[in-house]
């Protein structure tokens, strides 16, 4: 157990720090630069939200494995990945929620408008009829997509995904020491 904690804590924290830096950077690009950045470049969001966590989870587990002489238990690999991904994401979501709902509510309103415009453009592009577009926009207008509850609901969903991802990565990357 001591060995597990000795590996999980520093490597999980390093992963969390990477996630925090990337997440806050992504927010600041929209905040200080172009609020529509993530909508214009939605593929960056896809990479950031879905592919990068896989690569970073592998990176963190591999770092812990190297620090342990090339071996890592399933439990330790799971701890490193889950701790880093979920803790880092929780901090980023808290930062975003505070920015949108406490510090700069005008930016929240701007992002809600960007979301509506992006949704409208996508539906038009894919040939949705006017009734479908109006219904989708009306539903979006009723939501508080950037509100505290929406942010933490999103965190819950992403945390479940990251836990499942961590379970899979740990199973793939574990390497037990040979019993002599």
C-alpha atoms as a PDB file:
ATOM      1  CA  UNK A   1       0.000   0.000   0.000  1.00  0.00           C
ATOM      2  CA  UNK A   2       2.788   2.441   0.853  1.00  0.00           C
ATOM      3  CA  UNK A   3       4.357   1.726  -2.524  1.00  0.00           C
ATOM      4  CA  UNK A   4       1.016   2.353  -4.255  1.00  0.00           C
ATOM      5  CA  UNK A   5       0.581   5.729  -2.557  1.00  0.00           C
ATOM      6  CA  UNK A   6       4.203   6.591  -3.236  1.00  0.00           C
ATOM      7  CA  UNK A   7       3.527   6.192  -6.967  1.00  0.00           C
ATOM      8  CA  UNK A   8      -0.107   7.280  -7.220  1.00  0.00           C
ATOM      9  CA  UNK A   9       0.212  10.612  -5.477  1.00  0.00           C
ATOM     10  CA  UNK A  10       3.088  12.255  -7.407  1.00  0.00           C
ATOM     11  CA  UNK A  11       2.184  10.856 -10.830  1.00  0.00           C
ATOM     12  CA  UNK A  12      -1.543  11.485 -10.368  1.00  0.00           C
ATOM     13  CA  UNK A  13      -0.852  15.030  -9.193  1.00  0.00           C
ATOM     14  CA  UNK A  14       1.435  15.662 -12.162  1.00  0.00           C
ATOM     15  CA  UNK A  15      -1.309  14.477 -14.519  1.00  0.00           C
ATOM     16  CA  UNK A  16      -3.851  16.665 -12.712  1.00  0.00           C
ATOM     17  CA  UNK A  17      -1.562  19.678 -13.052  1.00  0.00           C
ATOM     18  CA  UNK A  18      -1.204  19.067 -16.794  1.00  0.00           C
ATOM     19  CA  UNK A  19      -5.008  18.817 -17.137  1.00  0.00           C
ATOM     20  CA  UNK A  20      -5.457  22.029 -15.114  1.00  0.00           C
ATOM     21  CA  UNK A  21      -2.939  23.974 -17.188  1.00  0.00           C
ATOM     22  CA  UNK A  22      -4.459  22.784 -20.462  1.00  0.00           C
ATOM     23  CA  UNK A  23      -8.038  23.399 -19.302  1.00  0.00           C
ATOM     24  CA  UNK A  24      -7.415  26.898 -18.032  1.00  0.00           C
ATOM     25  CA  UNK A  25      -5.426  27.692 -21.180  1.00  0.00           C
ATOM     26  CA  UNK A  26      -8.346  26.541 -23.356  1.00  0.00           C
ATOM     27  CA  UNK A  27     -10.711  28.749 -21.353  1.00  0.00           C
ATOM     28  CA  UNK A  28      -8.387  31.751 -21.513  1.00  0.00           C
ATOM     29  CA  UNK A  29      -8.034  31.462 -25.300  1.00  0.00           C
ATOM     30  CA  UNK A  30     -11.796  31.929 -25.567  1.00  0.00           C
ATOM     31  CA  UNK A  31     -11.985  34.502 -22.789  1.00  0.00           C
ATOM     32  CA  UNK A  32      -9.119  36.767 -23.831  1.00  0.00           C
ATOM     33  CA  UNK A  33      -9.184  36.019 -27.532  1.00  0.00           C
ATOM     34  CA  UNK A  34     -12.074  34.704 -29.556  1.00  0.00           C
ATOM     35  CA  UNK A  35     -15.179  33.549 -27.646  1.00  0.00           C
ATOM     36  CA  UNK A  36     -16.154  31.504 -30.701  1.00  0.00           C
ATOM     37  CA  UNK A  37     -12.756  29.749 -30.833  1.00  0.00           C
ATOM     38  CA  UNK A  38     -14.052  26.380 -29.592  1.00  0.00           C
ATOM     39  CA  UNK A  39     -17.059  26.569 -31.900  1.00  0.00           C
ATOM     40  CA  UNK A  40     -15.000  27.457 -34.955  1.00  0.00           C
ATOM     41  CA  UNK A  41     -12.455  24.766 -34.090  1.00  0.00           C
ATOM     42  CA  UNK A  42     -14.669  22.120 -32.523  1.00  0.00           C
ATOM     43  CA  UNK A  43     -12.156  19.448 -33.501  1.00  0.00           C
ATOM     44  CA  UNK A  44      -9.763  20.945 -30.920  1.00  0.00           C
ATOM     45  CA  UNK A  45     -12.424  20.425 -28.266  1.00  0.00           C
ATOM     46  CA  UNK A  46     -12.878  16.848 -29.440  1.00  0.00           C
ATOM     47  CA  UNK A  47      -9.149  16.161 -29.199  1.00  0.00           C
ATOM     48  CA  UNK A  48      -8.906  17.935 -25.841  1.00  0.00           C
ATOM     49  CA  UNK A  49     -11.951  16.264 -24.296  1.00  0.00           C
ATOM     50  CA  UNK A  50     -11.686  12.730 -25.680  1.00  0.00           C
ATOM     51  CA  UNK A  51      -8.281  11.884 -27.198  1.00  0.00           C
ATOM     52  CA  UNK A  52      -5.859  13.860 -25.042  1.00  0.00           C
ATOM     53  CA  UNK A  53      -7.019  12.203 -21.791  1.00  0.00           C
ATOM     54  CA  UNK A  54      -6.121   8.815 -23.282  1.00  0.00           C
ATOM     55  CA  UNK A  55      -2.646   9.986 -24.239  1.00  0.00           C
ATOM     56  CA  UNK A  56      -2.100  11.750 -20.919  1.00  0.00           C
ATOM     57  CA  UNK A  57      -3.356   8.739 -18.956  1.00  0.00           C
ATOM     58  CA  UNK A  58      -0.888   6.517 -20.806  1.00  0.00           C
ATOM     59  CA  UNK A  59       1.859   9.077 -20.193  1.00  0.00           C
ATOM     60  CA  UNK A  60       1.167   9.240 -16.440  1.00  0.00           C
ATOM     61  CA  UNK A  61       0.885   5.473 -15.973  1.00  0.00           C
ATOM     62  CA  UNK A  62       4.040   4.936 -17.997  1.00  0.00           C
ATOM     63  CA  UNK A  63       5.873   7.474 -15.829  1.00  0.00           C
ATOM     64  CA  UNK A  64       4.801   5.680 -12.663  1.00  0.00           C
ATOM     65  CA  UNK A  65       5.768   2.330 -14.166  1.00  0.00           C
ATOM     66  CA  UNK A  66       9.238   3.595 -15.086  1.00  0.00           C
ATOM     67  CA  UNK A  67       9.670   5.003 -11.572  1.00  0.00           C
ATOM     68  CA  UNK A  68       8.881   1.531 -10.234  1.00  0.00           C
ATOM     69  CA  UNK A  69      11.474  -0.336 -12.258  1.00  0.00           C
ATOM     70  CA  UNK A  70       9.203  -1.086 -15.211  1.00  0.00           C
ATOM     71  CA  UNK A  71       6.379  -2.653 -13.177  1.00  0.00           C
ATOM     72  CA  UNK A  72       3.003  -1.337 -12.072  1.00  0.00           C
ATOM     73  CA  UNK A  73       0.012  -3.014 -10.479  1.00  0.00           C
ATOM     74  CA  UNK A  74      -3.489  -2.590 -11.808  1.00  0.00           C
ATOM     75  CA  UNK A  75      -4.440  -0.729  -8.641  1.00  0.00           C
ATOM     76  CA  UNK A  76      -1.577   1.738  -8.938  1.00  0.00           C
ATOM     77  CA  UNK A  77      -2.165   2.348 -12.653  1.00  0.00           C
ATOM     78  CA  UNK A  78      -5.858   2.936 -11.979  1.00  0.00           C
ATOM     79  CA  UNK A  79      -5.060   5.319  -9.142  1.00  0.00           C
ATOM     80  CA  UNK A  80      -2.591   7.372 -11.173  1.00  0.00           C
ATOM     81  CA  UNK A  81      -4.928   7.794 -14.142  1.00  0.00           C
ATOM     82  CA  UNK A  82      -8.208   8.271 -12.274  1.00  0.00           C
ATOM     83  CA  UNK A  83      -6.741  10.655  -9.681  1.00  0.00           C
ATOM     84  CA  UNK A  84      -5.058  12.810 -12.307  1.00  0.00           C
ATOM     85  CA  UNK A  85      -7.860  12.959 -14.842  1.00  0.00           C
ATOM     86  CA  UNK A  86     -10.727  13.456 -12.401  1.00  0.00           C
ATOM     87  CA  UNK A  87      -8.957  15.818  -9.981  1.00  0.00           C
ATOM     88  CA  UNK A  88      -7.577  17.949 -12.807  1.00  0.00           C
ATOM     89  CA  UNK A  89     -10.952  18.139 -14.518  1.00  0.00           C
ATOM     90  CA  UNK A  90     -12.711  19.025 -11.243  1.00  0.00           C
ATOM     91  CA  UNK A  91     -10.384  21.992 -10.733  1.00  0.00           C
ATOM     92  CA  UNK A  92     -10.903  23.177 -14.320  1.00  0.00           C
ATOM     93  CA  UNK A  93     -14.691  22.879 -14.014  1.00  0.00           C
ATOM     94  CA  UNK A  94     -14.644  24.794 -10.724  1.00  0.00           C
ATOM     95  CA  UNK A  95     -12.522  27.516 -12.366  1.00  0.00           C
ATOM     96  CA  UNK A  96     -14.878  27.701 -15.364  1.00  0.00           C
ATOM     97  CA  UNK A  97     -18.005  27.726 -13.187  1.00  0.00           C
ATOM     98  CA  UNK A  98     -16.643  30.579 -11.083  1.00  0.00           C
ATOM     99  CA  UNK A  99     -15.629  32.549 -14.168  1.00  0.00           C
ATOM    100  CA  UNK A 100     -19.042  32.138 -15.818  1.00  0.00           C
ATOM    101  CA  UNK A 101     -21.254  32.540 -12.768  1.00  0.00           C
ATOM    102  CA  UNK A 102     -19.421  34.786 -10.329  1.00  0.00           C
ATOM    103  CA  UNK A 103     -16.544  36.696 -11.902  1.00  0.00           C
ATOM    104  CA  UNK A 104     -17.803  37.569 -15.407  1.00  0.00           C
ATOM    105  CA  UNK A 105     -21.457  36.812 -16.045  1.00  0.00           C
ATOM    106  CA  UNK A 106     -21.345  38.909 -19.225  1.00  0.00           C
ATOM    107  CA  UNK A 107     -18.944  36.352 -20.704  1.00  0.00           C
ATOM    108  CA  UNK A 108     -21.408  33.609 -19.751  1.00  0.00           C
ATOM    109  CA  UNK A 109     -24.139  35.425 -21.717  1.00  0.00           C
ATOM    110  CA  UNK A 110     -21.779  35.824 -24.662  1.00  0.00           C
ATOM    111  CA  UNK A 111     -20.938  32.105 -24.612  1.00  0.00           C
ATOM    112  CA  UNK A 112     -24.629  31.216 -24.458  1.00  0.00           C
ATOM    113  CA  UNK A 113     -25.176  33.328 -27.579  1.00  0.00           C
ATOM    114  CA  UNK A 114     -22.227  31.634 -29.302  1.00  0.00           C
ATOM    115  CA  UNK A 115     -23.729  28.248 -28.408  1.00  0.00           C
ATOM    116  CA  UNK A 116     -27.084  29.216 -29.914  1.00  0.00           C
ATOM    117  CA  UNK A 117     -25.440  30.515 -33.091  1.00  0.00           C
ATOM    118  CA  UNK A 118     -23.269  27.401 -33.423  1.00  0.00           C
ATOM    119  CA  UNK A 119     -26.301  25.144 -32.960  1.00  0.00           C
ATOM    120  CA  UNK A 120     -28.301  27.140 -35.497  1.00  0.00           C
ATOM    121  CA  UNK A 121     -25.474  26.982 -38.052  1.00  0.00           C
ATOM    122  CA  UNK A 122     -24.971  23.231 -37.592  1.00  0.00           C
ATOM    123  CA  UNK A 123     -28.680  22.460 -37.904  1.00  0.00           C
ATOM    124  CA  UNK A 124     -28.935  24.603 -41.026  1.00  0.00           C
ATOM    125  CA  UNK A 125     -25.840  22.964 -42.489  1.00  0.00           C
ATOM    126  CA  UNK A 126     -27.334  19.497 -42.014  1.00  0.00           C
ATOM    127  CA  UNK A 127     -30.633  20.508 -43.585  1.00  0.00           C
ATOM    128  CA  UNK A 128     -32.910  20.618 -40.548  1.00  0.00           C
ATOM    129  CA  UNK A 129     -36.259  22.200 -41.310  1.00  0.00           C
ATOM    130  CA  UNK A 130     -37.306  25.455 -39.655  1.00  0.00           C
ATOM    131  CA  UNK A 131     -39.511  23.746 -37.066  1.00  0.00           C
ATOM    132  CA  UNK A 132     -36.662  21.500 -35.906  1.00  0.00           C
ATOM    133  CA  UNK A 133     -34.288  24.445 -35.706  1.00  0.00           C
ATOM    134  CA  UNK A 134     -36.769  26.538 -33.722  1.00  0.00           C
ATOM    135  CA  UNK A 135     -37.451  23.661 -31.326  1.00  0.00           C
ATOM    136  CA  UNK A 136     -33.744  23.009 -30.718  1.00  0.00           C
ATOM    137  CA  UNK A 137     -32.996  26.698 -30.183  1.00  0.00           C
ATOM    138  CA  UNK A 138     -35.971  27.068 -27.826  1.00  0.00           C
ATOM    139  CA  UNK A 139     -34.763  24.089 -25.768  1.00  0.00           C
ATOM    140  CA  UNK A 140     -31.255  25.537 -25.586  1.00  0.00           C
ATOM    141  CA  UNK A 141     -32.608  28.913 -24.496  1.00  0.00           C
ATOM    142  CA  UNK A 142     -34.382  27.222 -21.589  1.00  0.00           C
ATOM    143  CA  UNK A 143     -31.164  25.602 -20.329  1.00  0.00           C
ATOM    144  CA  UNK A 144     -28.517  27.281 -18.276  1.00  0.00           C
ATOM    145  CA  UNK A 145     -25.710  25.549 -20.174  1.00  0.00           C
ATOM    146  CA  UNK A 146     -22.950  27.450 -18.385  1.00  0.00           C
ATOM    147  CA  UNK A 147     -24.624  27.547 -14.955  1.00  0.00           C
ATOM    148  CA  UNK A 148     -23.177  25.922 -11.846  1.00  0.00           C
ATOM    149  CA  UNK A 149     -25.487  22.909 -12.015  1.00  0.00           C
ATOM    150  CA  UNK A 150     -24.789  22.305 -15.699  1.00  0.00           C
ATOM    151  CA  UNK A 151     -21.053  22.571 -15.091  1.00  0.00           C
ATOM    152  CA  UNK A 152     -21.163  20.027 -12.269  1.00  0.00           C
ATOM    153  CA  UNK A 153     -23.493  17.692 -14.186  1.00  0.00           C
ATOM    154  CA  UNK A 154     -20.951  17.766 -16.995  1.00  0.00           C
ATOM    155  CA  UNK A 155     -18.182  17.055 -14.479  1.00  0.00           C
ATOM    156  CA  UNK A 156     -20.082  14.019 -13.234  1.00  0.00           C
ATOM    157  CA  UNK A 157     -20.512  12.614 -16.733  1.00  0.00           C
ATOM    158  CA  UNK A 158     -16.897  13.266 -17.702  1.00  0.00           C
ATOM    159  CA  UNK A 159     -15.694  11.773 -14.411  1.00  0.00           C
ATOM    160  CA  UNK A 160     -17.539   8.542 -15.146  1.00  0.00           C
ATOM    161  CA  UNK A 161     -15.973   8.481 -18.617  1.00  0.00           C
ATOM    162  CA  UNK A 162     -12.511   9.134 -17.157  1.00  0.00           C
ATOM    163  CA  UNK A 163     -13.008   6.401 -14.558  1.00  0.00           C
ATOM    164  CA  UNK A 164     -13.938   3.894 -17.261  1.00  0.00           C
ATOM    165  CA  UNK A 165     -11.000   5.097 -19.359  1.00  0.00           C
ATOM    166  CA  UNK A 166      -8.709   4.658 -16.347  1.00  0.00           C
ATOM    167  CA  UNK A 167     -10.021   1.133 -15.739  1.00  0.00           C
ATOM    168  CA  UNK A 168      -9.231   0.207 -19.337  1.00  0.00           C
ATOM    169  CA  UNK A 169      -5.822   1.901 -19.372  1.00  0.00           C
ATOM    170  CA  UNK A 170      -4.862   0.244 -16.078  1.00  0.00           C
ATOM    171  CA  UNK A 171      -5.835  -3.177 -17.445  1.00  0.00           C
ATOM    172  CA  UNK A 172      -3.793  -2.628 -20.598  1.00  0.00           C
ATOM    173  CA  UNK A 173      -0.736  -1.100 -18.950  1.00  0.00           C
ATOM    174  CA  UNK A 174      -0.367  -3.131 -15.750  1.00  0.00           C
ATOM    175  CA  UNK A 175       2.795  -5.137 -15.523  1.00  0.00           C
ATOM    176  CA  UNK A 176       3.251  -7.233 -12.428  1.00  0.00           C
ATOM    177  CA  UNK A 177       6.674  -8.074 -11.104  1.00  0.00           C
ATOM    178  CA  UNK A 178       7.545 -11.702 -11.804  1.00  0.00           C
ATOM    179  CA  UNK A 179       7.278 -14.032  -8.830  1.00  0.00           C
ATOM    180  CA  UNK A 180      10.549 -15.835  -8.295  1.00  0.00           C
END
